[in-house]
Amino acid sequence: MAKDFTSRAKDYSKWYNELVVKADLAENSDVRGSMVIKPYGYAIWEKMQAQLDKMFKETGHENAYFPLLIPKSYLSKEAAHVEGFAKECAVVTHYRLKLAEDGKTVVVDPDAKLEEELIIRPTSETIIWNSYKKWIQSYRDLPILINQWANVVRWEMRTRLFLRTSEFLWQEGHTAHATSQEAVAEAEQMLHVYGDFAENFMAMPVLKGLKSPSERFAGALETYCIEAMMQDGKALQAGTSHFLGQNFAKAFDVKFATKEGTQEYVWATSWGVSTRLMGALVMTHSDDNGLVLPPKLAPIHVVIVPIYRNEEQLAAVSEVALKLKKELEAKGLTVKFDNRDTHKPGWKFAHYEFKGVPVRLAIGARDLENGTLEVARRDTLSKETVKQTEVVDYVSELMDKIQENLFLRANQYRIENTHQVDTWDEFVEIINSEKGGFVEAHWDGTAETEEKIKNLTKATIRCIPLDALEEQGKCILTGNPSSKRVVFAKAY
C-alpha cells in the first residue's frame, strides 16, 4: 500500500488526503463538501467519543439532544452570533417535493413554502437558550450542565476530509450559571479536560491559551483554546471553550431569582471538539508507511498473523494464536487473528502497518519449535523476538511504552519547531520557512496590527498562552510596547 503513497516531504497535503482514503478512514460523498466516515475511521471516533463522554460525566455534565432545525429569527437575537455564522448557514425554505410534469423527476412544491425559514444548525446556542428560558426560574435551577453529541452544518467553500467539511460530527457543551466566576471556572475546566484528552489519549501535545479578540467565537467574551502542531509545522485548533457572559441570556431573556429575591441574567459557557480531532490524530503521528495510532485510541491493539505452509501447520499455529488472543483480551486489549487464506503474510504485514495497528505478532512453525514470537512495533517499525510464555505481559506493557513514545516524539518535534523572535525579519524568515512552526513574538494588542501581520504572512495569532509570563518588549511589526509574547503560526 505504501508503494503508491505520496511521501510527507514530497507533498504533505496530498500525503494526508491519500492516507485518509487509503487507510479506510473516510471518503468524499456526492454531497459537495460532505464526507462518508468509514467503519475503521468511525471506530476511532467512537473511542474518542467514549472517553470524552466519560470525562464530561465525571465533571457533572449530562447528555441531551436539541433540534437540528433552528428558526431563522433565533439567530437574529444575538447580533455578534449571527454575524459570525451568517455566511455559513444552510437554509430550509420548503417542506415538500412533488413530481414534475414529466412524471419522472421531483421538484420543490412552490405551495409548500415555510412561513419562517429554518437554519440547519451551525451550532446550537440559540435553540438551547430558547429551551433554558423555560427551564430556569430560580437559583435552585442552576447550574445547568448539558452536553450534546450531534452533527452540524457550516457551508464551507474549501473542504478537506475531517479538517474542514460542510457537515461534521461534534459535541457541544452548553452550561448556565448563577455567577460570572462560576461560568469562567467552567470554561477553564473544560479547556483542561480537552488538554488532558489530547495529551493523555491522543498523545498530542497542546498549547492552552486564550484567543485574541478578533479570533474569538461569535458572541463570546472570552475563548479558550488548545492548539497543536502538525508535522508540517502548521497549527491546528483542536478544541475551544467559550465564556459567553450574559449575551445569550439577554438575547433570550433568561433570568433567575437570586437567593436575595432579585432578578438576574444567567451566565453562560459553550465548548466543543469535533471530528477535526481525527485529522489532528492522523497528522500528528502518521508517517510515510501509513497511519500510526496511539494504543488508547486504536480500534485494534494487536494483530496476529499466522505463517504456514499447510493445513497441519495452520492448525498448530492457530491453537497457540487463539490462546494468546484470549489472554491478551483478558488484559483489556483488542486482538485480531487474521487467518484468511486469501492474502499472503507479507500483504497482511503491509496492510496492518498501513492501518496503524500498534503491535503485530507473527507466528510460524519455527516459532512454535523455538517457543518464541516475533513482535513488531508500529511506532518504531522495530521487531523483537519474545518467548511465548512472556509475550502477553510484554505486549501489555508495550502499549504504555508506545503511547508514551508517541507523545514524547510529538512533543520533541514541537519543541524543536517553536521559536522566539524579536524582529520582523526573523519572524518573516521563520514563518515562511519550509518547516514553519510556532513563533513566540510580541504584539501590540491591536486588531489592526494583527490583521496586517495576517495579510503580510498568512500567519495568525493562535493563542495567548495561559502560562505566558509578563515580559516587556516591542511589537515585531509596529515597535509599540507589549507586555507578553503570543504564539503565531500558519494554520489549518
Protein backbone atom coordinates (compact mmCIF):
# COMPACT_ATOMS: atom_id res chain seq x y z
CA MET A 1 0.00 0.00 0.00
CA ALA A 2 2.81 2.40 0.89
CA LYS A 3 4.47 1.93 -2.52
CA ASP A 4 1.81 4.01 -4.26
CA PHE A 5 1.69 6.51 -1.43
CA THR A 6 2.92 10.12 -1.60
CA SER A 7 5.57 10.98 1.00
CA ARG A 8 5.20 13.82 3.51
CA ALA A 9 8.32 15.53 2.19
CA LYS A 10 7.08 15.49 -1.40
CA ASP A 11 3.57 16.85 -0.78
CA TYR A 12 2.24 16.94 2.78
CA SER A 13 -1.29 17.88 1.77
CA LYS A 14 -1.51 15.10 -0.81
CA TRP A 15 0.04 12.66 1.71
CA TYR A 16 -2.74 13.47 4.19
CA ASN A 17 -5.56 13.22 1.66
CA GLU A 18 -4.29 9.89 0.31
CA LEU A 19 -3.75 8.47 3.78
CA VAL A 20 -7.28 9.22 4.98
CA VAL A 21 -8.74 7.48 1.93
CA LYS A 22 -6.27 4.56 1.59
CA ALA A 23 -6.46 3.75 5.32
CA ASP A 24 -10.26 3.49 5.00
CA LEU A 25 -10.98 6.32 7.42
CA ALA A 26 -13.27 8.37 5.18
CA GLU A 27 -14.12 9.33 1.62
CA ASN A 28 -15.82 12.21 -0.13
CA SER A 29 -19.55 11.84 -0.71
CA ASP A 30 -21.61 13.02 -3.66
CA VAL A 31 -22.87 15.87 -1.50
CA ARG A 32 -20.34 18.63 -2.05
CA GLY A 33 -18.10 19.19 0.96
CA SER A 34 -19.51 16.27 2.96
CA MET A 35 -17.81 13.00 3.83
CA VAL A 36 -18.60 9.37 4.47
CA ILE A 37 -16.84 8.18 7.63
CA LYS A 38 -15.99 4.54 7.01
CA PRO A 39 -16.13 1.83 9.72
CA TYR A 40 -12.43 1.97 10.64
CA GLY A 41 -12.50 5.75 10.90
CA TYR A 42 -15.74 5.69 12.84
CA ALA A 43 -14.30 3.11 15.24
CA ILE A 44 -11.56 5.62 16.14
CA TRP A 45 -14.16 8.39 16.55
CA GLU A 46 -16.22 6.09 18.81
CA LYS A 47 -13.15 5.60 21.02
CA MET A 48 -12.67 9.36 21.21
CA GLN A 49 -16.36 9.89 21.89
CA ALA A 50 -16.49 7.25 24.64
CA GLN A 51 -13.52 8.68 26.51
CA LEU A 52 -14.65 12.30 26.21
CA ASP A 53 -18.16 11.36 27.25
CA LYS A 54 -16.74 9.66 30.35
CA MET A 55 -14.69 12.76 31.18
CA PHE A 56 -17.70 15.05 30.74
CA LYS A 57 -19.84 12.95 33.03
CA GLU A 58 -17.09 12.82 35.62
CA THR A 59 -17.25 16.63 35.73
CA GLY A 60 -21.01 16.61 36.31
CA HIS A 61 -22.38 17.03 32.79
CA GLU A 62 -25.39 15.25 31.30
CA ASN A 63 -26.23 14.48 27.69
CA ALA A 64 -29.31 15.83 25.96
CA TYR A 65 -30.43 16.42 22.37
CA PHE A 66 -31.84 19.53 20.71
CA PRO A 67 -33.39 20.06 17.25
CA LEU A 68 -31.37 20.10 14.05
CA LEU A 69 -33.52 22.90 12.61
CA ILE A 70 -33.43 26.37 14.12
CA PRO A 71 -35.93 29.17 13.33
CA LYS A 72 -34.15 31.94 11.46
CA SER A 73 -35.41 34.55 13.94
CA TYR A 74 -33.44 32.89 16.74
CA LEU A 75 -30.14 33.72 15.04
CA SER A 76 -31.21 37.36 14.77
CA LYS A 77 -31.44 37.73 18.54
CA GLU A 78 -27.68 37.82 19.19
CA ALA A 79 -26.03 40.21 16.74
CA ALA A 80 -22.41 39.02 17.01
CA HIS A 81 -23.52 35.40 16.77
CA VAL A 82 -25.50 35.84 13.55
CA GLU A 83 -22.70 37.94 12.06
CA GLY A 84 -20.22 35.15 12.80
CA PHE A 85 -22.26 32.38 11.18
CA ALA A 86 -24.48 34.08 8.57
CA LYS A 87 -22.25 33.25 5.61
CA GLU A 88 -22.04 29.56 6.55
CA CYS A 89 -25.73 28.78 7.13
CA ALA A 90 -27.72 26.26 5.12
CA VAL A 91 -31.37 27.39 4.90
CA VAL A 92 -34.52 25.26 4.61
CA THR A 93 -37.25 27.16 2.76
CA HIS A 94 -39.79 24.46 1.75
CA TYR A 95 -41.21 21.33 3.36
CA ARG A 96 -42.41 19.28 0.38
CA LEU A 97 -41.45 17.95 -3.04
CA LYS A 98 -43.73 16.91 -5.88
CA LEU A 99 -43.47 15.13 -9.22
CA ALA A 100 -42.67 17.36 -12.16
CA GLU A 101 -44.90 17.46 -15.22
CA ASP A 102 -42.76 14.77 -16.87
CA GLY A 103 -43.83 12.40 -14.09
CA LYS A 104 -40.24 11.26 -13.55
CA THR A 105 -38.33 13.95 -11.69
CA VAL A 106 -39.11 15.74 -8.45
CA VAL A 107 -39.27 19.49 -7.91
CA VAL A 108 -39.86 21.74 -4.93
CA ASP A 109 -43.55 22.36 -4.40
CA PRO A 110 -43.94 26.17 -4.52
CA ASP A 111 -47.07 25.89 -2.37
CA ALA A 112 -45.05 24.32 0.46
CA LYS A 113 -43.04 27.38 1.39
CA LEU A 114 -42.33 27.74 5.10
CA GLU A 115 -43.70 30.80 6.87
CA GLU A 116 -40.30 31.17 8.53
CA GLU A 117 -37.12 29.71 7.10
CA LEU A 118 -35.25 27.16 9.21
CA ILE A 119 -31.47 27.04 9.62
CA ILE A 120 -29.65 23.71 9.78
CA ARG A 121 -27.69 24.17 12.99
CA PRO A 122 -24.20 25.61 12.57
CA THR A 123 -24.03 25.50 16.40
CA SER A 124 -26.82 25.27 18.97
CA GLU A 125 -26.54 28.23 21.35
CA THR A 126 -29.76 29.83 20.13
CA ILE A 127 -32.04 26.78 20.15
CA ILE A 128 -30.66 25.66 23.51
CA TRP A 129 -31.04 29.03 25.21
CA ASN A 130 -34.61 29.18 24.00
CA SER A 131 -35.16 25.97 26.00
CA TYR A 132 -33.19 27.23 29.00
CA LYS A 133 -35.63 30.12 29.27
CA LYS A 134 -38.31 27.55 30.18
CA TRP A 135 -36.01 25.54 32.45
CA ILE A 136 -34.61 28.34 34.61
CA GLN A 137 -36.63 30.40 37.09
CA SER A 138 -34.59 30.32 40.29
CA TYR A 139 -31.04 29.93 41.58
CA ARG A 140 -32.16 26.44 42.59
CA ASP A 141 -32.30 25.52 38.89
CA LEU A 142 -28.61 26.36 38.40
CA PRO A 143 -26.13 25.32 37.26
CA ILE A 144 -27.32 23.53 34.12
CA LEU A 145 -24.54 21.37 32.70
CA ILE A 146 -25.60 19.93 29.35
CA ASN A 147 -23.63 18.27 26.54
CA GLN A 148 -24.94 17.28 23.13
CA TRP A 149 -23.43 14.82 20.62
CA ALA A 150 -24.64 15.88 17.21
CA ASN A 151 -23.87 16.88 13.64
CA VAL A 152 -23.69 20.47 12.40
CA VAL A 153 -23.54 22.13 9.00
CA ARG A 154 -21.33 25.08 8.09
CA TRP A 155 -21.29 25.69 4.36
CA GLU A 156 -17.58 25.56 3.57
CA MET A 157 -16.19 26.51 0.17
CA ARG A 158 -12.83 24.75 0.53
CA THR A 159 -13.10 21.38 2.21
CA ARG A 160 -10.72 18.64 3.32
CA LEU A 161 -11.68 15.32 4.92
CA PHE A 162 -12.04 15.66 8.70
CA LEU A 163 -10.26 19.01 8.85
CA ARG A 164 -12.95 21.13 7.23
CA THR A 165 -16.19 19.71 5.88
CA SER A 166 -19.65 21.21 5.39
CA GLU A 167 -21.17 18.65 7.73
CA PHE A 168 -19.22 17.25 10.66
CA LEU A 169 -19.78 15.41 13.92
CA TRP A 170 -19.01 17.01 17.27
CA GLN A 171 -20.02 17.51 20.83
CA GLU A 172 -21.17 20.88 22.14
CA GLY A 173 -21.46 21.67 25.81
CA HIS A 174 -23.81 24.45 26.91
CA THR A 175 -23.92 25.48 30.55
CA ALA A 176 -25.79 28.08 32.60
CA HIS A 177 -24.54 29.57 35.88
CA ALA A 178 -25.56 31.99 38.61
CA THR A 179 -22.30 33.99 38.58
CA SER A 180 -19.62 35.02 36.12
CA GLN A 181 -16.99 33.38 38.34
CA GLU A 182 -18.73 30.01 38.05
CA ALA A 183 -19.03 30.36 34.27
CA VAL A 184 -15.37 31.31 33.84
CA ALA A 185 -14.35 28.37 36.06
CA GLU A 186 -16.47 26.06 33.88
CA ALA A 187 -14.91 27.33 30.65
CA GLU A 188 -11.42 26.89 32.09
CA GLN A 189 -12.25 23.44 33.47
CA MET A 190 -13.38 22.20 30.07
CA LEU A 191 -10.26 23.60 28.43
CA HIS A 192 -8.21 21.45 30.79
CA VAL A 193 -10.43 18.42 30.08
CA TYR A 194 -9.69 18.86 26.37
CA GLY A 195 -5.98 19.30 27.08
CA ASP A 196 -5.97 16.14 29.21
CA PHE A 197 -7.69 14.17 26.45
CA ALA A 198 -5.39 15.47 23.71
CA GLU A 199 -2.19 14.73 25.60
CA ASN A 200 -3.04 11.55 27.51
CA PHE A 201 -5.22 9.78 24.94
CA MET A 202 -4.30 11.27 21.56
CA ALA A 203 -0.62 11.54 22.64
CA MET A 204 -0.75 15.02 21.09
CA PRO A 205 0.91 17.89 22.99
CA VAL A 206 -1.10 21.11 23.01
CA LEU A 207 -0.75 24.73 23.99
CA LYS A 208 -3.53 26.07 26.20
CA GLY A 209 -4.41 29.69 25.82
CA LEU A 210 -6.81 32.49 25.00
CA LYS A 211 -7.82 33.63 21.55
CA SER A 212 -7.25 37.24 20.60
CA PRO A 213 -10.46 39.32 20.49
CA SER A 214 -10.70 39.08 16.70
CA GLU A 215 -10.35 35.28 16.81
CA ARG A 216 -13.00 34.70 19.49
CA PHE A 217 -16.13 32.65 18.93
CA ALA A 218 -19.01 34.76 17.67
CA GLY A 219 -20.86 36.07 20.74
CA ALA A 220 -18.17 35.14 23.30
CA LEU A 221 -16.46 37.44 25.80
CA GLU A 222 -13.51 35.04 26.00
CA THR A 223 -12.45 32.00 24.00
CA TYR A 224 -10.03 29.43 25.42
CA CYS A 225 -8.33 27.02 23.04
CA ILE A 226 -5.92 24.14 22.69
CA GLU A 227 -3.52 24.40 19.74
CA ALA A 228 -1.48 21.52 18.34
CA MET A 229 1.42 21.48 15.89
CA MET A 230 1.17 19.19 12.89
CA GLN A 231 4.19 17.59 11.21
CA ASP A 232 4.33 20.30 8.54
CA GLY A 233 4.74 22.96 11.22
CA LYS A 234 1.20 24.30 10.86
CA ALA A 235 -1.08 24.81 13.84
CA LEU A 236 -4.42 23.11 14.26
CA GLN A 237 -7.07 24.37 16.66
CA ALA A 238 -8.09 21.16 18.40
CA GLY A 239 -10.76 22.40 20.81
CA THR A 240 -12.36 25.56 22.16
CA SER A 241 -14.20 26.62 25.29
CA HIS A 242 -16.10 29.90 25.47
CA PHE A 243 -17.16 32.24 28.25
CA LEU A 244 -20.31 33.78 26.78
CA GLY A 245 -21.07 36.22 29.59
CA GLN A 246 -24.76 37.15 29.66
CA ASN A 247 -25.09 37.74 25.92
CA PHE A 248 -27.35 34.78 25.18
CA ALA A 249 -29.27 35.13 28.43
CA LYS A 250 -30.12 38.72 27.48
CA ALA A 251 -30.92 37.78 23.90
CA PHE A 252 -33.41 35.12 25.07
CA ASP A 253 -34.45 36.88 28.29
CA VAL A 254 -33.22 34.09 30.59
CA LYS A 255 -33.35 35.42 34.17
CA PHE A 256 -33.35 33.74 37.55
CA ALA A 257 -34.45 34.71 41.04
CA THR A 258 -31.40 35.04 43.29
CA LYS A 259 -31.29 33.99 46.96
CA GLU A 260 -31.87 37.66 47.80
CA GLY A 261 -35.02 37.75 45.66
CA THR A 262 -33.65 39.91 42.83
CA GLN A 263 -33.84 39.03 39.14
CA GLU A 264 -30.51 38.47 37.35
CA TYR A 265 -29.46 37.30 33.91
CA VAL A 266 -27.79 33.90 33.73
CA TRP A 267 -24.09 33.48 32.85
CA ALA A 268 -23.19 31.06 30.06
CA THR A 269 -20.48 28.91 28.51
CA SER A 270 -20.21 26.68 25.46
CA TRP A 271 -17.43 24.33 24.43
CA GLY A 272 -16.78 21.76 21.73
CA VAL A 273 -14.50 19.42 19.82
CA SER A 274 -15.28 17.75 16.52
CA THR A 275 -14.19 15.08 14.04
CA ARG A 276 -11.40 17.57 13.24
CA LEU A 277 -9.60 15.67 16.02
CA MET A 278 -9.41 12.74 13.59
CA GLY A 279 -7.39 14.88 11.21
CA ALA A 280 -5.19 16.05 14.08
CA LEU A 281 -4.54 12.45 15.12
CA VAL A 282 -3.52 11.45 11.60
CA MET A 283 -1.22 14.43 11.04
CA THR A 284 0.45 14.32 14.46
CA HIS A 285 1.73 10.73 14.36
CA SER A 286 1.46 9.09 10.94
CA ASP A 287 4.40 8.53 8.59
CA ASP A 288 5.28 7.54 5.04
CA ASN A 289 4.26 3.95 5.79
CA GLY A 290 0.70 4.93 6.71
CA LEU A 291 -1.26 5.50 9.88
CA VAL A 292 0.30 5.49 13.32
CA LEU A 293 -2.26 5.25 16.11
CA PRO A 294 -1.79 5.66 19.88
CA PRO A 295 -2.94 2.46 21.61
CA LYS A 296 -5.58 4.25 23.69
CA LEU A 297 -7.50 5.14 20.50
CA ALA A 298 -6.60 2.25 18.21
CA PRO A 299 -9.58 0.06 17.16
CA ILE A 300 -7.23 -2.95 17.01
CA HIS A 301 -4.36 -3.14 19.50
CA VAL A 302 -2.76 -6.36 18.30
CA VAL A 303 -2.96 -8.31 15.06
CA ILE A 304 -1.76 -11.91 14.99
CA VAL A 305 -0.62 -13.14 11.58
CA PRO A 306 -0.06 -16.93 11.11
CA ILE A 307 2.71 -18.15 8.81
CA TYR A 308 2.19 -21.68 7.50
CA ARG A 309 2.71 -23.96 4.51
CA ASN A 310 -0.04 -26.48 5.03
CA GLU A 311 -3.22 -27.14 6.97
CA GLU A 312 -1.36 -29.06 9.66
CA GLN A 313 0.91 -26.08 10.39
CA LEU A 314 -2.09 -23.71 10.33
CA ALA A 315 -3.89 -25.84 12.92
CA ALA A 316 -0.88 -25.86 15.24
CA VAL A 317 -0.28 -22.11 14.84
CA SER A 318 -3.98 -21.33 15.28
CA GLU A 319 -4.12 -23.19 18.58
CA VAL A 320 -1.35 -21.00 20.02
CA ALA A 321 -2.71 -17.84 18.40
CA LEU A 322 -6.23 -18.27 19.77
CA LYS A 323 -4.87 -18.96 23.25
CA LEU A 324 -2.78 -15.76 23.03
CA LYS A 325 -5.76 -13.83 21.71
CA LYS A 326 -7.85 -14.85 24.70
CA GLU A 327 -5.10 -13.98 27.19
CA LEU A 328 -4.43 -10.59 25.59
CA GLU A 329 -8.14 -9.77 25.54
CA ALA A 330 -8.25 -10.57 29.25
CA LYS A 331 -5.73 -7.72 29.64
CA GLY A 332 -8.22 -5.36 28.00
CA LEU A 333 -6.67 -5.39 24.53
CA THR A 334 -8.50 -5.72 21.23
CA VAL A 335 -6.93 -8.53 19.18
CA LYS A 336 -7.48 -9.64 15.59
CA PHE A 337 -6.34 -13.06 14.42
CA ASP A 338 -6.10 -12.80 10.63
CA ASN A 339 -6.14 -16.39 9.39
CA ARG A 340 -7.59 -15.57 5.97
CA ASP A 341 -6.18 -17.74 3.20
CA THR A 342 -6.95 -15.12 0.54
CA HIS A 343 -3.90 -12.98 1.38
CA LYS A 344 -0.25 -13.80 1.99
CA PRO A 345 1.51 -12.88 5.26
CA GLY A 346 3.57 -10.16 3.54
CA TRP A 347 0.40 -8.47 2.32
CA LYS A 348 -1.09 -8.67 5.81
CA PHE A 349 2.05 -7.17 7.36
CA ALA A 350 1.86 -4.19 4.99
CA HIS A 351 -1.91 -3.85 5.42
CA TYR A 352 -1.91 -3.64 9.22
CA GLU A 353 1.17 -1.46 9.23
CA PHE A 354 -0.64 0.98 6.95
CA LYS A 355 -3.72 0.86 9.20
CA GLY A 356 -1.62 1.85 12.20
CA VAL A 357 -2.21 -1.22 14.38
CA PRO A 358 0.23 -0.67 17.31
CA VAL A 359 1.57 -4.25 17.60
CA ARG A 360 1.84 -7.17 15.20
CA LEU A 361 2.60 -10.76 16.25
CA ALA A 362 3.83 -13.26 13.67
CA ILE A 363 3.67 -16.99 14.44
CA GLY A 364 5.12 -19.71 12.25
CA ALA A 365 6.11 -23.37 12.59
CA ARG A 366 9.67 -22.42 13.51
CA ASP A 367 8.37 -20.11 16.24
CA LEU A 368 6.40 -23.00 17.71
CA GLU A 369 9.55 -25.12 17.79
CA ASN A 370 11.57 -22.34 19.47
CA GLY A 371 8.78 -21.25 21.81
CA THR A 372 9.11 -17.65 20.58
CA LEU A 373 7.15 -14.99 18.69
CA GLU A 374 8.11 -12.01 16.54
CA VAL A 375 6.70 -8.79 18.00
CA ALA A 376 6.67 -5.75 15.68
CA ARG A 377 6.02 -2.19 16.90
CA ARG A 378 4.26 0.21 14.54
CA ASP A 379 5.64 3.39 16.11
CA THR A 380 9.33 2.47 15.67
CA LEU A 381 8.98 -0.22 12.97
CA SER A 382 11.27 -2.36 15.15
CA LYS A 383 10.97 -6.09 15.83
CA GLU A 384 11.79 -8.23 18.85
CA THR A 385 11.83 -11.98 19.42
CA VAL A 386 9.94 -12.75 22.63
CA LYS A 387 9.31 -16.01 24.47
CA GLN A 388 5.73 -17.25 24.10
CA THR A 389 5.41 -17.56 27.86
CA GLU A 390 6.31 -13.86 28.28
CA VAL A 391 4.57 -12.31 25.29
CA VAL A 392 1.25 -11.41 26.99
CA ASP A 393 2.88 -9.31 29.70
CA TYR A 394 5.41 -7.95 27.20
CA VAL A 395 2.74 -6.75 24.79
CA SER A 396 0.55 -5.35 27.56
CA GLU A 397 3.46 -3.26 28.87
CA LEU A 398 4.42 -2.32 25.32
CA MET A 399 1.13 -0.48 24.85
CA ASP A 400 2.06 2.04 27.55
CA LYS A 401 5.54 2.42 26.06
CA ILE A 402 4.13 3.12 22.59
CA GLN A 403 1.63 5.62 23.97
CA GLU A 404 4.38 7.46 25.84
CA ASN A 405 6.82 7.32 22.93
CA LEU A 406 4.31 8.89 20.55
CA PHE A 407 3.68 11.77 22.93
CA LEU A 408 7.38 12.35 23.59
CA ARG A 409 8.16 12.24 19.88
CA ALA A 410 5.45 14.75 19.01
CA ASN A 411 6.43 16.97 21.93
CA GLN A 412 10.08 16.96 20.87
CA TYR A 413 9.04 17.96 17.35
CA ARG A 414 7.04 20.86 18.76
CA ILE A 415 9.95 21.99 20.95
CA GLU A 416 12.35 21.88 18.01
CA ASN A 417 9.96 23.91 15.87
CA THR A 418 8.99 26.59 18.40
CA HIS A 419 10.97 29.80 18.01
CA GLN A 420 11.25 33.06 19.91
CA VAL A 421 11.86 36.16 17.79
CA ASP A 422 12.21 39.88 18.46
CA THR A 423 12.38 41.37 14.96
CA TRP A 424 10.12 41.43 11.93
CA ASP A 425 12.81 39.97 9.65
CA GLU A 426 13.29 36.98 11.98
CA PHE A 427 9.54 36.49 12.14
CA VAL A 428 9.07 36.50 8.35
CA GLU A 429 12.04 34.18 7.80
CA ILE A 430 10.70 31.50 10.16
CA ILE A 431 7.02 31.81 9.23
CA ASN A 432 7.86 31.46 5.53
CA SER A 433 10.39 28.67 6.03
CA GLU A 434 9.61 25.13 4.87
CA LYS A 435 9.15 23.83 8.42
CA GLY A 436 7.30 26.86 9.78
CA GLY A 437 6.25 26.13 13.33
CA PHE A 438 5.17 28.20 16.31
CA VAL A 439 6.66 31.66 16.66
CA GLU A 440 6.57 33.40 20.05
CA ALA A 441 6.65 37.14 19.47
CA HIS A 442 5.49 40.44 20.92
CA TRP A 443 2.29 42.02 19.59
CA ASP A 444 0.95 45.44 20.49
CA GLY A 445 -2.55 44.12 21.24
CA THR A 446 -4.39 45.89 18.41
CA ALA A 447 -6.65 44.25 15.85
CA GLU A 448 -5.13 46.46 13.15
CA THR A 449 -1.63 45.07 13.70
CA GLU A 450 -2.96 41.52 13.93
CA GLU A 451 -4.73 41.93 10.59
CA LYS A 452 -1.64 43.43 8.92
CA ILE A 453 0.53 40.53 10.06
CA LYS A 454 -2.05 38.09 8.75
CA ASN A 455 -2.26 39.83 5.36
CA LEU A 456 1.51 40.04 5.01
CA THR A 457 2.40 36.50 6.10
CA LYS A 458 -0.81 34.41 6.35
CA ALA A 459 0.16 33.78 9.98
CA THR A 460 -2.41 34.28 12.72
CA ILE A 461 -2.28 34.56 16.49
CA ARG A 462 -3.03 31.01 17.53
CA CYS A 463 -3.27 31.80 21.22
CA ILE A 464 -2.11 33.93 24.11
CA PRO A 465 -0.69 31.14 26.31
CA LEU A 466 -2.22 30.81 29.76
CA ASP A 467 1.26 30.49 31.21
CA ALA A 468 2.69 33.45 29.26
CA LEU A 469 4.98 35.48 31.51
CA GLU A 470 4.87 39.24 31.82
CA GLU A 471 7.74 40.45 29.68
CA GLN A 472 8.20 44.00 28.46
CA GLY A 473 9.04 44.14 24.79
CA LYS A 474 8.22 45.74 21.46
CA CYS A 475 5.72 44.59 18.84
CA ILE A 476 7.56 42.90 15.96
CA LEU A 477 5.66 44.96 13.36
CA THR A 478 4.95 48.37 14.90
CA GLY A 479 7.56 48.64 17.65
CA ASN A 480 4.82 49.64 20.09
CA PRO A 481 5.05 48.41 23.71
CA SER A 482 3.98 44.83 24.51
CA SER A 483 3.72 43.09 27.89
CA LYS A 484 3.84 39.44 26.79
CA ARG A 485 4.55 37.17 23.85
CA VAL A 486 1.81 35.48 21.85
CA VAL A 487 2.03 32.45 19.56
CA PHE A 488 1.81 32.96 15.81
CA ALA A 489 1.64 30.24 13.16
CA LYS A 490 0.14 29.37 9.83
CA ALA A 491 -2.81 27.14 10.48
CA TYR A 492 -5.41 24.74 9.16
